């Protein structure tokens, strides 16, 4: 009997700053054999991989690496190097502060 193929249902968060994010979670099915998570930039010919920190049959905990702005395809990788399923994550610019309200204080 063939092993079931890993599948992704969701990725939280699915929007991050270019600095990445710690403690991200993929939820899906048959995730036990997954050893790492691959990030493939859609506008570049580059990818990054990050190891799985915690796993169960239906959830993976890992870190999202830093990257350039844009959409990135995320898949789960098994020991044979094959990438299974995929979901899109969006990298955005770091938020900036343009002013504080109110401008007056009681001090």
PDB file of N, CA and C in Angstrom:
ATOM      1  N   UNK A   1       0.843  -1.179   0.000  1.00  0.00           N
ATOM      2  CA  UNK A   1       0.000   0.000   0.000  1.00  0.00           C
ATOM      3  C   UNK A   1       0.888   1.241   0.000  1.00  0.00           C
ATOM      4  N   UNK A   2       0.623   2.175  -0.898  1.00  0.00           N
ATOM      5  CA  UNK A   2       1.417   3.399  -1.012  1.00  0.00           C
ATOM      6  C   UNK A   2       1.090   4.359   0.118  1.00  0.00           C
ATOM      7  N   UNK A   3       2.116   5.112   0.530  1.00  0.00           N
ATOM      8  CA  UNK A   3       1.916   6.113   1.581  1.00  0.00           C
ATOM      9  C   UNK A   3       1.066   7.256   1.035  1.00  0.00           C
ATOM     10  N   UNK A   4       0.312   7.864   1.903  1.00  0.00           N
ATOM     11  CA  UNK A   4      -0.517   8.994   1.502  1.00  0.00           C
ATOM     12  C   UNK A   4       0.355  10.221   1.273  1.00  0.00           C
ATOM     13  N   UNK A   5      -0.007  11.026   0.277  1.00  0.00           N
ATOM     14  CA  UNK A   5       0.739  12.217  -0.089  1.00  0.00           C
ATOM     15  C   UNK A   5       0.399  13.354   0.864  1.00  0.00           C
ATOM     16  N   UNK A   6       1.407  14.097   1.365  1.00  0.00           N
ATOM     17  CA  UNK A   6       1.128  15.245   2.228  1.00  0.00           C
ATOM     18  C   UNK A   6       0.354  16.329   1.479  1.00  0.00           C
ATOM     19  N   UNK A   7      -0.546  16.997   2.184  1.00  0.00           N
ATOM     20  CA  UNK A   7      -1.331  18.070   1.589  1.00  0.00           C
ATOM     21  C   UNK A   7      -1.450  19.257   2.525  1.00  0.00           C
ATOM     22  N   UNK A   8      -1.468  20.468   1.957  1.00  0.00           N
ATOM     23  CA  UNK A   8      -1.581  21.700   2.736  1.00  0.00           C
ATOM     24  C   UNK A   8      -2.997  22.240   2.619  1.00  0.00           C
ATOM     25  N   UNK A   9      -3.610  22.560   3.768  1.00  0.00           N
ATOM     26  CA  UNK A   9      -4.921  23.227   3.793  1.00  0.00           C
ATOM     27  C   UNK A   9      -4.793  24.714   4.081  1.00  0.00           C
ATOM     28  N   UNK A  10      -3.866  25.071   4.983  1.00  0.00           N
ATOM     29  CA  UNK A  10      -3.708  26.481   5.346  1.00  0.00           C
ATOM     30  C   UNK A  10      -2.303  26.764   5.849  1.00  0.00           C
ATOM     31  N   UNK A  11      -1.926  28.041   5.824  1.00  0.00           N
ATOM     32  CA  UNK A  11      -0.648  28.518   6.328  1.00  0.00           C
ATOM     33  C   UNK A  11      -0.906  29.806   7.095  1.00  0.00           C
ATOM     34  N   UNK A  12      -0.493  29.835   8.349  1.00  0.00           N
ATOM     35  CA  UNK A  12      -0.678  31.028   9.184  1.00  0.00           C
ATOM     36  C   UNK A  12       0.656  31.477   9.738  1.00  0.00           C
ATOM     37  N   UNK A  13       1.045  32.719   9.555  1.00  0.00           N
ATOM     38  CA  UNK A  13       0.336  33.735   8.789  1.00  0.00           C
ATOM     39  C   UNK A  13       0.571  33.541   7.294  1.00  0.00           C
ATOM     40  N   UNK A  14      -0.304  34.084   6.475  1.00  0.00           N
ATOM     41  CA  UNK A  14      -0.117  33.989   5.024  1.00  0.00           C
ATOM     42  C   UNK A  14       0.359  35.317   4.425  1.00  0.00           C
ATOM     43  N   UNK A  15       0.581  36.312   5.285  1.00  0.00           N
ATOM     44  CA  UNK A  15       1.197  37.574   4.887  1.00  0.00           C
ATOM     45  C   UNK A  15       2.244  37.920   5.943  1.00  0.00           C
ATOM     46  N   UNK A  16       3.468  38.213   5.505  1.00  0.00           N
ATOM     47  CA  UNK A  16       4.562  38.519   6.429  1.00  0.00           C
ATOM     48  C   UNK A  16       5.386  39.679   5.889  1.00  0.00           C
ATOM     49  N   UNK A  17       6.196  40.293   6.767  1.00  0.00           N
ATOM     50  CA  UNK A  17       7.123  41.324   6.309  1.00  0.00           C
ATOM     51  C   UNK A  17       8.328  40.634   5.670  1.00  0.00           C
ATOM     52  N   UNK A  18       9.171  41.420   5.028  1.00  0.00           N
ATOM     53  CA  UNK A  18      10.359  40.866   4.383  1.00  0.00           C
ATOM     54  C   UNK A  18      11.325  40.253   5.394  1.00  0.00           C
ATOM     55  N   UNK A  19      11.097  40.483   6.675  1.00  0.00           N
ATOM     56  CA  UNK A  19      11.956  39.928   7.717  1.00  0.00           C
ATOM     57  C   UNK A  19      11.584  38.500   8.089  1.00  0.00           C
ATOM     58  N   UNK A  20      10.467  37.975   7.557  1.00  0.00           N
ATOM     59  CA  UNK A  20      10.043  36.620   7.874  1.00  0.00           C
ATOM     60  C   UNK A  20       9.245  36.567   9.168  1.00  0.00           C
ATOM     61  N   UNK A  21       9.092  35.366   9.717  1.00  0.00           N
ATOM     62  CA  UNK A  21       8.258  35.183  10.906  1.00  0.00           C
ATOM     63  C   UNK A  21       8.661  33.889  11.592  1.00  0.00           C
ATOM     64  N   UNK A  22       8.708  33.934  12.923  1.00  0.00           N
ATOM     65  CA  UNK A  22       8.962  32.713  13.678  1.00  0.00           C
ATOM     66  C   UNK A  22       7.628  32.049  14.022  1.00  0.00           C
ATOM     67  N   UNK A  23       7.676  30.784  14.282  1.00  0.00           N
ATOM     68  CA  UNK A  23       6.513  30.016  14.745  1.00  0.00           C
ATOM     69  C   UNK A  23       5.306  30.081  13.811  1.00  0.00           C
ATOM     70  N   UNK A  24       5.537  29.856  12.531  1.00  0.00           N
ATOM     71  CA  UNK A  24       4.445  29.749  11.568  1.00  0.00           C
ATOM     72  C   UNK A  24       3.884  28.324  11.618  1.00  0.00           C
ATOM     73  N   UNK A  25       2.658  28.148  11.136  1.00  0.00           N
ATOM     74  CA  UNK A  25       2.004  26.836  11.188  1.00  0.00           C
ATOM     75  C   UNK A  25       1.354  26.518   9.851  1.00  0.00           C
ATOM     76  N   UNK A  26       1.647  25.329   9.346  1.00  0.00           N
ATOM     77  CA  UNK A  26       0.927  24.761   8.202  1.00  0.00           C
ATOM     78  C   UNK A  26      -0.019  23.719   8.758  1.00  0.00           C
ATOM     79  N   UNK A  27      -1.269  23.778   8.327  1.00  0.00           N
ATOM     80  CA  UNK A  27      -2.236  22.734   8.665  1.00  0.00           C
ATOM     81  C   UNK A  27      -2.573  21.981   7.386  1.00  0.00           C
ATOM     82  N   UNK A  28      -2.726  20.674   7.521  1.00  0.00           N
ATOM     83  CA  UNK A  28      -3.007  19.848   6.356  1.00  0.00           C
ATOM     84  C   UNK A  28      -3.252  18.417   6.753  1.00  0.00           C
ATOM     85  N   UNK A  29      -2.892  17.510   5.853  1.00  0.00           N
ATOM     86  CA  UNK A  29      -3.084  16.091   6.133  1.00  0.00           C
ATOM     87  C   UNK A  29      -1.846  15.313   5.704  1.00  0.00           C
ATOM     88  N   UNK A  30      -1.607  14.201   6.383  1.00  0.00           N
ATOM     89  CA  UNK A  30      -0.473  13.309   6.095  1.00  0.00           C
ATOM     90  C   UNK A  30       0.864  14.044   6.169  1.00  0.00           C
ATOM     91  N   UNK A  31       1.060  14.886   7.166  1.00  0.00           N
ATOM     92  CA  UNK A  31       2.261  15.704   7.277  1.00  0.00           C
ATOM     93  C   UNK A  31       3.402  15.037   8.048  1.00  0.00           C
ATOM     94  N   UNK A  32       3.193  13.857   8.586  1.00  0.00           N
ATOM     95  CA  UNK A  32       4.231  13.158   9.351  1.00  0.00           C
ATOM     96  C   UNK A  32       5.567  13.018   8.613  1.00  0.00           C
ATOM     97  N   UNK A  33       5.594  12.665   7.327  1.00  0.00           N
ATOM     98  CA  UNK A  33       6.885  12.460   6.656  1.00  0.00           C
ATOM     99  C   UNK A  33       7.587  13.746   6.196  1.00  0.00           C
ATOM    100  N   UNK A  34       7.000  14.902   6.419  1.00  0.00           N
ATOM    101  CA  UNK A  34       7.584  16.165   5.952  1.00  0.00           C
ATOM    102  C   UNK A  34       8.791  16.531   6.819  1.00  0.00           C
ATOM    103  N   UNK A  35       9.923  16.870   6.155  1.00  0.00           N
ATOM    104  CA  UNK A  35      11.140  17.226   6.892  1.00  0.00           C
ATOM    105  C   UNK A  35      11.488  18.713   6.784  1.00  0.00           C
ATOM    106  N   UNK A  36      10.981  19.386   5.746  1.00  0.00           N
ATOM    107  CA  UNK A  36      11.262  20.807   5.602  1.00  0.00           C
ATOM    108  C   UNK A  36      10.183  21.480   4.755  1.00  0.00           C
ATOM    109  N   UNK A  37      10.233  22.810   4.749  1.00  0.00           N
ATOM    110  CA  UNK A  37       9.284  23.618   4.000  1.00  0.00           C
ATOM    111  C   UNK A  37      10.082  24.439   2.998  1.00  0.00           C
ATOM    112  N   UNK A  38       9.644  24.451   1.728  1.00  0.00           N
ATOM    113  CA  UNK A  38      10.346  25.173   0.664  1.00  0.00           C
ATOM    114  C   UNK A  38       9.545  26.411   0.253  1.00  0.00           C
ATOM    115  N   UNK A  39      10.268  27.516   0.046  1.00  0.00           N
ATOM    116  CA  UNK A  39       9.694  28.789  -0.388  1.00  0.00           C
ATOM    117  C   UNK A  39      10.274  29.120  -1.758  1.00  0.00           C
ATOM    118  N   UNK A  40       9.425  29.194  -2.786  1.00  0.00           N
ATOM    119  CA  UNK A  40       9.865  29.470  -4.164  1.00  0.00           C
ATOM    120  C   UNK A  40       9.292  30.812  -4.608  1.00  0.00           C
ATOM    121  N   UNK A  41      10.175  31.808  -4.792  1.00  0.00           N
ATOM    122  CA  UNK A  41       9.725  33.129  -5.235  1.00  0.00           C
ATOM    123  C   UNK A  41       9.219  33.029  -6.662  1.00  0.00           C
ATOM    124  N   UNK A  42       8.037  33.585  -6.932  1.00  0.00           N
ATOM    125  CA  UNK A  42       7.412  33.470  -8.245  1.00  0.00           C
ATOM    126  C   UNK A  42       8.066  34.378  -9.279  1.00  0.00           C
ATOM    127  N   UNK A  43       8.692  35.470  -8.842  1.00  0.00           N
ATOM    128  CA  UNK A  43       9.298  36.412  -9.785  1.00  0.00           C
ATOM    129  C   UNK A  43      10.809  36.221  -9.903  1.00  0.00           C
ATOM    130  N   UNK A  44      11.367  35.262  -9.201  1.00  0.00           N
ATOM    131  CA  UNK A  44      12.804  35.004  -9.225  1.00  0.00           C
ATOM    132  C   UNK A  44      13.039  33.501  -9.381  1.00  0.00           C
ATOM    133  N   UNK A  45      14.223  33.154  -9.761  1.00  0.00           N
ATOM    134  CA  UNK A  45      14.591  31.733  -9.838  1.00  0.00           C
ATOM    135  C   UNK A  45      15.337  31.335  -8.578  1.00  0.00           C
ATOM    136  N   UNK A  46      14.775  31.656  -7.437  1.00  0.00           N
ATOM    137  CA  UNK A  46      15.438  31.318  -6.179  1.00  0.00           C
ATOM    138  C   UNK A  46      14.442  30.692  -5.217  1.00  0.00           C
ATOM    139  N   UNK A  47      14.977  29.912  -4.317  1.00  0.00           N
ATOM    140  CA  UNK A  47      14.141  29.307  -3.288  1.00  0.00           C
ATOM    141  C   UNK A  47      14.935  29.221  -1.990  1.00  0.00           C
ATOM    142  N   UNK A  48      14.209  29.084  -0.888  1.00  0.00           N
ATOM    143  CA  UNK A  48      14.809  28.869   0.428  1.00  0.00           C
ATOM    144  C   UNK A  48      14.066  27.720   1.080  1.00  0.00           C
ATOM    145  N   UNK A  49      14.752  27.017   1.965  1.00  0.00           N
ATOM    146  CA  UNK A  49      14.125  25.930   2.717  1.00  0.00           C
ATOM    147  C   UNK A  49      14.373  26.142   4.192  1.00  0.00           C
ATOM    148  N   UNK A  50      13.413  25.719   4.994  1.00  0.00           N
ATOM    149  CA  UNK A  50      13.535  25.829   6.441  1.00  0.00           C
ATOM    150  C   UNK A  50      13.089  24.496   7.061  1.00  0.00           C
ATOM    151  N   UNK A  51      13.773  24.035   8.105  1.00  0.00           N
ATOM    152  CA  UNK A  51      13.399  22.747   8.698  1.00  0.00           C
ATOM    153  C   UNK A  51      12.092  22.824   9.487  1.00  0.00           C
ATOM    154  N   UNK A  52      11.450  21.686   9.613  1.00  0.00           N
ATOM    155  CA  UNK A  52      10.259  21.574  10.448  1.00  0.00           C
ATOM    156  C   UNK A  52      10.735  21.478  11.897  1.00  0.00           C
ATOM    157  N   UNK A  53      10.156  22.300  12.781  1.00  0.00           N
ATOM    158  CA  UNK A  53      10.543  22.308  14.189  1.00  0.00           C
ATOM    159  C   UNK A  53       9.693  21.351  15.016  1.00  0.00           C
ATOM    160  N   UNK A  54       8.394  21.278  14.693  1.00  0.00           N
ATOM    161  CA  UNK A  54       7.465  20.353  15.351  1.00  0.00           C
ATOM    162  C   UNK A  54       6.514  19.829  14.299  1.00  0.00           C
ATOM    163  N   UNK A  55       6.117  18.564  14.425  1.00  0.00           N
ATOM    164  CA  UNK A  55       5.210  17.984  13.425  1.00  0.00           C
ATOM    165  C   UNK A  55       4.207  17.048  14.053  1.00  0.00           C
ATOM    166  N   UNK A  56       3.077  16.939  13.390  1.00  0.00           N
ATOM    167  CA  UNK A  56       2.079  15.926  13.700  1.00  0.00           C
ATOM    168  C   UNK A  56       1.452  15.535  12.365  1.00  0.00           C
ATOM    169  N   UNK A  57       0.476  14.677  12.393  1.00  0.00           N
ATOM    170  CA  UNK A  57      -0.174  14.253  11.159  1.00  0.00           C
ATOM    171  C   UNK A  57      -0.836  15.421  10.439  1.00  0.00           C
ATOM    172  N   UNK A  58      -1.338  16.411  11.203  1.00  0.00           N
ATOM    173  CA  UNK A  58      -2.102  17.490  10.574  1.00  0.00           C
ATOM    174  C   UNK A  58      -1.545  18.897  10.800  1.00  0.00           C
ATOM    175  N   UNK A  59      -0.328  19.041  11.342  1.00  0.00           N
ATOM    176  CA  UNK A  59       0.237  20.376  11.564  1.00  0.00           C
ATOM    177  C   UNK A  59       1.766  20.345  11.583  1.00  0.00           C
ATOM    178  N   UNK A  60       2.366  21.432  11.067  1.00  0.00           N
ATOM    179  CA  UNK A  60       3.811  21.624  11.091  1.00  0.00           C
ATOM    180  C   UNK A  60       4.110  22.998  11.660  1.00  0.00           C
ATOM    181  N   UNK A  61       5.131  23.082  12.514  1.00  0.00           N
ATOM    182  CA  UNK A  61       5.576  24.369  13.036  1.00  0.00           C
ATOM    183  C   UNK A  61       6.976  24.615  12.480  1.00  0.00           C
ATOM    184  N   UNK A  62       7.227  25.831  11.980  1.00  0.00           N
ATOM    185  CA  UNK A  62       8.492  26.159  11.333  1.00  0.00           C
ATOM    186  C   UNK A  62       8.662  27.679  11.314  1.00  0.00           C
ATOM    187  N   UNK A  63       9.827  28.140  10.859  1.00  0.00           N
ATOM    188  CA  UNK A  63      10.076  29.572  10.725  1.00  0.00           C
ATOM    189  C   UNK A  63       9.985  29.957   9.253  1.00  0.00           C
ATOM    190  N   UNK A  64       9.381  31.101   8.977  1.00  0.00           N
ATOM    191  CA  UNK A  64       9.335  31.644   7.622  1.00  0.00           C
ATOM    192  C   UNK A  64      10.593  32.489   7.445  1.00  0.00           C
ATOM    193  N   UNK A  65      11.433  32.194   6.431  1.00  0.00           N
ATOM    194  CA  UNK A  65      12.672  32.942   6.254  1.00  0.00           C
ATOM    195  C   UNK A  65      12.423  34.351   5.717  1.00  0.00           C
ATOM    196  N   UNK A  66      13.428  35.201   5.844  1.00  0.00           N
ATOM    197  CA  UNK A  66      13.330  36.535   5.257  1.00  0.00           C
ATOM    198  C   UNK A  66      13.344  36.406   3.737  1.00  0.00           C
ATOM    199  N   UNK A  67      12.854  37.429   3.061  1.00  0.00           N
ATOM    200  CA  UNK A  67      12.822  37.384   1.597  1.00  0.00           C
ATOM    201  C   UNK A  67      12.412  38.708   1.005  1.00  0.00           C
ATOM    202  N   UNK A  68      12.343  38.760  -0.308  1.00  0.00           N
ATOM    203  CA  UNK A  68      11.942  39.970  -1.024  1.00  0.00           C
ATOM    204  C   UNK A  68      10.431  40.082  -1.092  1.00  0.00           C
ATOM    205  N   UNK A  69       9.931  41.294  -1.325  1.00  0.00           N
ATOM    206  CA  UNK A  69       8.490  41.486  -1.435  1.00  0.00           C
ATOM    207  C   UNK A  69       7.941  40.705  -2.629  1.00  0.00           C
ATOM    208  N   UNK A  70       6.709  40.264  -2.488  1.00  0.00           N
ATOM    209  CA  UNK A  70       6.052  39.555  -3.571  1.00  0.00           C
ATOM    210  C   UNK A  70       5.395  38.268  -3.096  1.00  0.00           C
ATOM    211  N   UNK A  71       4.847  37.546  -4.055  1.00  0.00           N
ATOM    212  CA  UNK A  71       4.171  36.285  -3.766  1.00  0.00           C
ATOM    213  C   UNK A  71       5.165  35.132  -3.866  1.00  0.00           C
ATOM    214  N   UNK A  72       5.015  34.184  -2.946  1.00  0.00           N
ATOM    215  CA  UNK A  72       5.930  33.050  -2.850  1.00  0.00           C
ATOM    216  C   UNK A  72       5.113  31.772  -2.738  1.00  0.00           C
ATOM    217  N   UNK A  73       5.502  30.757  -3.515  1.00  0.00           N
ATOM    218  CA  UNK A  73       4.846  29.450  -3.436  1.00  0.00           C
ATOM    219  C   UNK A  73       5.531  28.638  -2.352  1.00  0.00           C
ATOM    220  N   UNK A  74       4.743  28.079  -1.444  1.00  0.00           N
ATOM    221  CA  UNK A  74       5.253  27.282  -0.334  1.00  0.00           C
ATOM    222  C   UNK A  74       4.790  25.839  -0.532  1.00  0.00           C
ATOM    223  N   UNK A  75       5.730  24.891  -0.387  1.00  0.00           N
ATOM    224  CA  UNK A  75       5.372  23.477  -0.458  1.00  0.00           C
ATOM    225  C   UNK A  75       6.074  22.739   0.678  1.00  0.00           C
ATOM    226  N   UNK A  76       5.642  21.510   0.935  1.00  0.00           N
ATOM    227  CA  UNK A  76       6.244  20.688   1.978  1.00  0.00           C
ATOM    228  C   UNK A  76       7.106  19.611   1.319  1.00  0.00           C
ATOM    229  N   UNK A  77       8.289  19.374   1.886  1.00  0.00           N
ATOM    230  CA  UNK A  77       9.279  18.483   1.281  1.00  0.00           C
ATOM    231  C   UNK A  77       9.473  17.242   2.144  1.00  0.00           C
ATOM    232  N   UNK A  78       9.465  16.084   1.502  1.00  0.00           N
ATOM    233  CA  UNK A  78       9.695  14.815   2.185  1.00  0.00           C
ATOM    234  C   UNK A  78      11.161  14.395   2.005  1.00  0.00           C
ATOM    235  N   UNK A  79      11.578  13.328   2.689  1.00  0.00           N
ATOM    236  CA  UNK A  79      12.975  12.886   2.683  1.00  0.00           C
ATOM    237  C   UNK A  79      13.511  12.575   1.284  1.00  0.00           C
ATOM    238  N   UNK A  80      12.642  12.225   0.341  1.00  0.00           N
ATOM    239  CA  UNK A  80      13.089  11.933  -1.021  1.00  0.00           C
ATOM    240  C   UNK A  80      13.317  13.205  -1.842  1.00  0.00           C
ATOM    241  N   UNK A  81      13.117  14.391  -1.222  1.00  0.00           N
ATOM    242  CA  UNK A  81      13.341  15.663  -1.907  1.00  0.00           C
ATOM    243  C   UNK A  81      12.168  16.169  -2.713  1.00  0.00           C
ATOM    244  N   UNK A  82      11.079  15.410  -2.721  1.00  0.00           N
ATOM    245  CA  UNK A  82       9.907  15.818  -3.503  1.00  0.00           C
ATOM    246  C   UNK A  82       9.102  16.870  -2.755  1.00  0.00           C
ATOM    247  N   UNK A  83       8.599  17.830  -3.524  1.00  0.00           N
ATOM    248  CA  UNK A  83       7.785  18.920  -2.989  1.00  0.00           C
ATOM    249  C   UNK A  83       6.315  18.564  -3.210  1.00  0.00           C
ATOM    250  N   UNK A  84       5.523  18.616  -2.152  1.00  0.00           N
ATOM    251  CA  UNK A  84       4.122  18.210  -2.231  1.00  0.00           C
ATOM    252  C   UNK A  84       3.206  19.380  -1.892  1.00  0.00           C
ATOM    253  N   UNK A  85       2.093  19.446  -2.588  1.00  0.00           N
ATOM    254  CA  UNK A  85       1.068  20.453  -2.354  1.00  0.00           C
ATOM    255  C   UNK A  85       1.696  21.834  -2.472  1.00  0.00           C
ATOM    256  N   UNK A  86       0.917  22.889  -2.384  1.00  0.00           N
ATOM    257  CA  UNK A  86       1.477  24.231  -2.306  1.00  0.00           C
ATOM    258  C   UNK A  86       0.403  25.226  -1.923  1.00  0.00           C
ATOM    259  N   UNK A  87       0.881  26.345  -1.423  1.00  0.00           N
ATOM    260  CA  UNK A  87       0.015  27.444  -1.019  1.00  0.00           C
ATOM    261  C   UNK A  87       0.831  28.716  -1.220  1.00  0.00           C
ATOM    262  N   UNK A  88       0.174  29.831  -1.405  1.00  0.00           N
ATOM    263  CA  UNK A  88       0.861  31.102  -1.652  1.00  0.00           C
ATOM    264  C   UNK A  88       0.928  31.932  -0.373  1.00  0.00           C
ATOM    265  N   UNK A  89       2.105  32.526  -0.142  1.00  0.00           N
ATOM    266  CA  UNK A  89       2.299  33.469   0.957  1.00  0.00           C
ATOM    267  C   UNK A  89       2.767  34.780   0.322  1.00  0.00           C
ATOM    268  N   UNK A  90       2.416  35.905   0.948  1.00  0.00           N
ATOM    269  CA  UNK A  90       2.804  37.210   0.420  1.00  0.00           C
ATOM    270  C   UNK A  90       3.764  37.900   1.381  1.00  0.00           C
ATOM    271  N   UNK A  91       4.910  38.300   0.846  1.00  0.00           N
ATOM    272  CA  UNK A  91       5.885  39.095   1.593  1.00  0.00           C
ATOM    273  C   UNK A  91       5.625  40.560   1.267  1.00  0.00           C
ATOM    274  N   UNK A  92       5.504  41.385   2.300  1.00  0.00           N
ATOM    275  CA  UNK A  92       5.289  42.812   2.106  1.00  0.00           C
ATOM    276  C   UNK A  92       6.388  43.611   2.774  1.00  0.00           C
ATOM    277  N   UNK A  93       6.393  44.896   2.492  1.00  0.00           N
ATOM    278  CA  UNK A  93       7.375  45.788   3.116  1.00  0.00           C
ATOM    279  C   UNK A  93       7.115  45.884   4.599  1.00  0.00           C
ATOM    280  N   UNK A  94       8.169  46.214   5.320  1.00  0.00           N
ATOM    281  CA  UNK A  94       8.030  46.419   6.756  1.00  0.00           C
ATOM    282  C   UNK A  94       7.169  47.660   6.984  1.00  0.00           C
ATOM    283  N   UNK A  95       6.224  47.599   7.926  1.00  0.00           N
ATOM    284  CA  UNK A  95       5.405  48.776   8.216  1.00  0.00           C
ATOM    285  C   UNK A  95       6.284  49.938   8.678  1.00  0.00           C
ATOM    286  N   UNK A  96       5.850  51.151   8.345  1.00  0.00           N
ATOM    287  CA  UNK A  96       6.580  52.338   8.773  1.00  0.00           C
ATOM    288  C   UNK A  96       5.656  53.253   9.551  1.00  0.00           C
ATOM    289  N   UNK A  97       6.238  54.080  10.372  1.00  0.00           N
ATOM    290  CA  UNK A  97       5.484  55.050  11.159  1.00  0.00           C
ATOM    291  C   UNK A  97       5.622  56.407  10.483  1.00  0.00           C
ATOM    292  N   UNK A  98       4.502  57.034  10.164  1.00  0.00           N
ATOM    293  CA  UNK A  98       4.539  58.333   9.490  1.00  0.00           C
ATOM    294  C   UNK A  98       4.131  59.473  10.408  1.00  0.00           C
ATOM    295  N   UNK A  99       3.691  59.157  11.617  1.00  0.00           N
ATOM    296  CA  UNK A  99       3.323  60.209  12.553  1.00  0.00           C
ATOM    297  C   UNK A  99       2.620  59.626  13.762  1.00  0.00           C
ATOM    298  N   UNK A 100       2.524  60.441  14.812  1.00  0.00           N
ATOM    299  CA  UNK A 100       1.859  60.028  16.032  1.00  0.00           C
ATOM    300  C   UNK A 100       0.673  60.948  16.293  1.00  0.00           C
ATOM    301  N   UNK A 101      -0.385  60.389  16.811  1.00  0.00           N
ATOM    302  CA  UNK A 101      -1.574  61.167  17.169  1.00  0.00           C
ATOM    303  C   UNK A 101      -1.915  60.910  18.612  1.00  0.00           C
ATOM    304  N   UNK A 102      -2.305  61.791  19.430  1.00  0.00           N
ATOM    305  CA  UNK A 102      -2.359  63.234  19.147  1.00  0.00           C
ATOM    306  C   UNK A 102      -0.962  63.841  19.200  1.00  0.00           C
ATOM    307  N   UNK A 103      -0.813  64.977  18.584  1.00  0.00           N
ATOM    308  CA  UNK A 103       0.490  65.650  18.527  1.00  0.00           C
ATOM    309  C   UNK A 103       0.812  66.420  19.806  1.00  0.00           C
ATOM    310  N   UNK A 104      -0.191  66.694  20.621  1.00  0.00           N
ATOM    311  CA  UNK A 104       0.057  67.398  21.880  1.00  0.00           C
ATOM    312  C   UNK A 104       0.034  66.398  23.035  1.00  0.00           C
ATOM    313  N   UNK A 105       0.747  66.740  24.103  1.00  0.00           N
ATOM    314  CA  UNK A 105       0.804  65.873  25.273  1.00  0.00           C
ATOM    315  C   UNK A 105       0.458  66.660  26.517  1.00  0.00           C
ATOM    316  N   UNK A 106       0.300  65.944  27.609  1.00  0.00           N
ATOM    317  CA  UNK A 106       0.007  66.595  28.885  1.00  0.00           C
ATOM    318  C   UNK A 106       1.290  66.947  29.638  1.00  0.00           C
ATOM    319  N   UNK A 107       2.404  66.548  29.137  1.00  0.00           N
ATOM    320  CA  UNK A 107       3.680  66.797  29.843  1.00  0.00           C
ATOM    321  C   UNK A 107       4.118  68.224  29.716  1.00  0.00           C
TER     322      UNK A 107
END
